Amino acid sequence: MSAPTGRYDDAVARYFEAWNAGPDARAKAVAAAWTNDGGYTDPLADVRGHEQIAAVIAAAHEQFPGFFFRRTGAVEGHHDTVRFSWELVSEADGSAPVAGSDVVTLDGEDRIRAVYGFLDRVPEGA
C-alpha cells in the first residue's frame, strides 16, 4: 500500500470541489476535475462528459439541500488509481445519512477519467 502523494490528494480535492460547488461554479469545477470524456458511475448513475456529470451533482444537491460532501479517512493511490471514502453531511446538524467509497482513475495530467462509486450507507426510502 502506497502513501498518498500530492497527485492523488490534489485530484480528490478537485473532485470534492466539484461535488460541493454551487450552481454558478459547478461547470467550471467539473471541467477542472474531469477529462472532457470523463465518466461517473455509481448504483444510481452512469454518465459521461462534463454536462452529464454536473447534472448528477445537481440532482444530489436537489435531493439533499443544505448538505455537503466530505472525505473520510485516507486517500490511497497507486499508478493512475485512487480510492477514498466520503459522507454527505448536513450543514444544519452534522448528521451524515449517506456515505460511500469511490475508486477513481486519472489521466496523465491527473484529471479524472472515471469514477466508480459505491454507496455504503443510504437512508430508508432514498
Protein backbone atom coordinates (compact mmCIF):
# COMPACT_ATOMS: atom_id res chain seq x y z
CA MET A 1 0.00 0.00 0.00
CA SER A 2 1.49 3.30 -1.01
CA ALA A 3 1.17 6.52 0.93
CA PRO A 4 -0.85 9.20 -0.86
CA THR A 5 1.11 11.77 -2.76
CA GLY A 6 0.16 15.27 -3.76
CA ARG A 7 -1.03 13.90 -7.08
CA TYR A 8 -3.80 11.81 -5.53
CA ASP A 9 -4.71 14.34 -2.84
CA ASP A 10 -4.97 17.11 -5.42
CA ALA A 11 -7.23 15.06 -7.70
CA VAL A 12 -9.50 14.14 -4.79
CA ALA A 13 -9.60 17.77 -3.64
CA ARG A 14 -10.75 18.87 -7.12
CA TYR A 15 -13.36 16.08 -7.05
CA PHE A 16 -14.84 17.40 -3.80
CA GLU A 17 -14.69 20.99 -5.09
CA ALA A 18 -16.89 19.86 -7.99
CA TRP A 19 -19.33 18.00 -5.73
CA ASN A 20 -19.59 20.96 -3.36
CA ALA A 21 -19.68 23.74 -5.97
CA GLY A 22 -22.75 25.92 -6.20
CA PRO A 23 -24.73 26.12 -9.43
CA ASP A 24 -22.72 29.06 -10.80
CA ALA A 25 -19.32 27.42 -10.21
CA ARG A 26 -20.24 23.79 -10.88
CA ALA A 27 -19.45 23.58 -14.62
CA LYS A 28 -16.00 25.12 -14.12
CA ALA A 29 -15.26 22.82 -11.16
CA VAL A 30 -16.34 19.72 -13.09
CA ALA A 31 -14.16 20.76 -16.05
CA ALA A 32 -11.18 21.24 -13.72
CA ALA A 33 -11.61 17.79 -12.18
CA TRP A 34 -12.63 15.53 -15.11
CA THR A 35 -11.31 14.90 -18.62
CA ASN A 36 -13.67 16.02 -21.39
CA ASP A 37 -14.94 12.46 -21.87
CA GLY A 38 -14.67 11.51 -18.21
CA GLY A 39 -17.27 9.36 -16.57
CA TYR A 40 -19.10 8.85 -13.32
CA THR A 41 -20.73 5.53 -12.40
CA ASP A 42 -22.46 4.56 -9.17
CA PRO A 43 -25.54 2.43 -8.39
CA LEU A 44 -27.82 5.32 -9.40
CA ALA A 45 -26.00 6.85 -12.38
CA ASP A 46 -23.77 6.03 -15.34
CA VAL A 47 -22.88 9.20 -17.23
CA ARG A 48 -20.14 10.63 -19.44
CA GLY A 49 -19.00 14.18 -20.13
CA HIS A 50 -18.98 17.36 -18.11
CA GLU A 51 -22.61 18.29 -18.69
CA GLN A 52 -23.97 14.93 -17.54
CA ILE A 53 -21.64 14.78 -14.53
CA ALA A 54 -22.72 18.28 -13.49
CA ALA A 55 -26.36 17.16 -13.82
CA VAL A 56 -25.76 14.20 -11.47
CA ILE A 57 -24.15 16.54 -8.93
CA ALA A 58 -27.06 19.00 -9.24
CA ALA A 59 -29.56 16.17 -8.68
CA ALA A 60 -27.76 15.11 -5.49
CA HIS A 61 -27.96 18.69 -4.18
CA GLU A 62 -31.65 18.88 -5.09
CA GLN A 63 -32.33 15.64 -3.20
CA PHE A 64 -30.24 16.75 -0.20
CA PRO A 65 -30.42 20.56 0.07
CA GLY A 66 -28.21 22.02 2.78
CA PHE A 67 -25.73 19.12 2.64
CA PHE A 68 -22.09 18.95 1.56
CA PHE A 69 -19.69 16.15 0.68
CA ARG A 70 -16.74 15.45 2.98
CA ARG A 71 -13.89 12.99 2.58
CA THR A 72 -13.46 10.49 5.38
CA GLY A 73 -10.29 8.55 6.02
CA ALA A 74 -7.15 8.45 3.96
CA VAL A 75 -6.65 8.88 0.24
CA GLU A 76 -4.83 5.86 -1.17
CA GLY A 77 -3.36 5.62 -4.62
CA HIS A 78 -1.06 3.76 -6.94
CA HIS A 79 -0.31 4.21 -10.62
CA ASP A 80 -3.31 6.08 -12.06
CA THR A 81 -5.83 4.78 -9.50
CA VAL A 82 -7.10 6.41 -6.31
CA ARG A 83 -9.58 5.29 -3.66
CA PHE A 84 -11.21 7.18 -0.83
CA SER A 85 -14.38 7.32 1.25
CA TRP A 86 -16.82 10.17 1.80
CA GLU A 87 -20.03 11.14 3.52
CA LEU A 88 -22.84 13.57 2.81
CA VAL A 89 -23.13 15.91 5.79
CA SER A 90 -25.97 18.17 6.92
CA GLU A 91 -24.88 21.78 7.43
CA ALA A 92 -27.69 22.14 9.99
CA ASP A 93 -26.95 19.32 12.43
CA GLY A 94 -23.82 17.50 11.21
CA SER A 95 -25.66 14.25 10.54
CA ALA A 96 -24.35 12.15 7.65
CA PRO A 97 -27.16 9.96 6.28
CA VAL A 98 -25.25 8.95 3.13
CA ALA A 99 -21.72 7.56 2.89
CA GLY A 100 -19.73 5.83 0.20
CA SER A 101 -16.41 4.87 -1.30
CA ASP A 102 -15.05 5.77 -4.71
CA VAL A 103 -12.36 4.38 -6.96
CA VAL A 104 -11.06 6.91 -9.48
CA THR A 105 -8.77 6.57 -12.48
CA LEU A 106 -6.65 9.53 -13.59
CA ASP A 107 -5.10 10.56 -16.88
CA GLY A 108 -1.50 11.72 -17.33
CA GLU A 109 -2.48 15.26 -16.28
CA ASP A 110 -4.16 13.99 -13.09
CA ARG A 111 -7.66 14.70 -14.31
CA ILE A 112 -10.37 12.12 -13.66
CA ARG A 113 -11.07 9.64 -16.43
CA ALA A 114 -13.60 7.60 -14.50
CA VAL A 115 -15.22 7.35 -11.08
CA TYR A 116 -16.67 4.09 -9.79
CA GLY A 117 -18.76 4.89 -6.74
CA PHE A 118 -20.24 2.62 -4.10
CA LEU A 119 -22.93 3.61 -1.62
CA ASP A 120 -22.10 2.25 1.80
CA ARG A 121 -24.92 3.94 3.75
CA VAL A 122 -28.20 5.38 2.44
CA PRO A 123 -31.36 6.50 4.27
CA GLU A 124 -34.51 4.40 4.12
CA GLY A 125 -36.55 5.20 1.04
CA ALA A 126 -33.78 7.11 -0.75
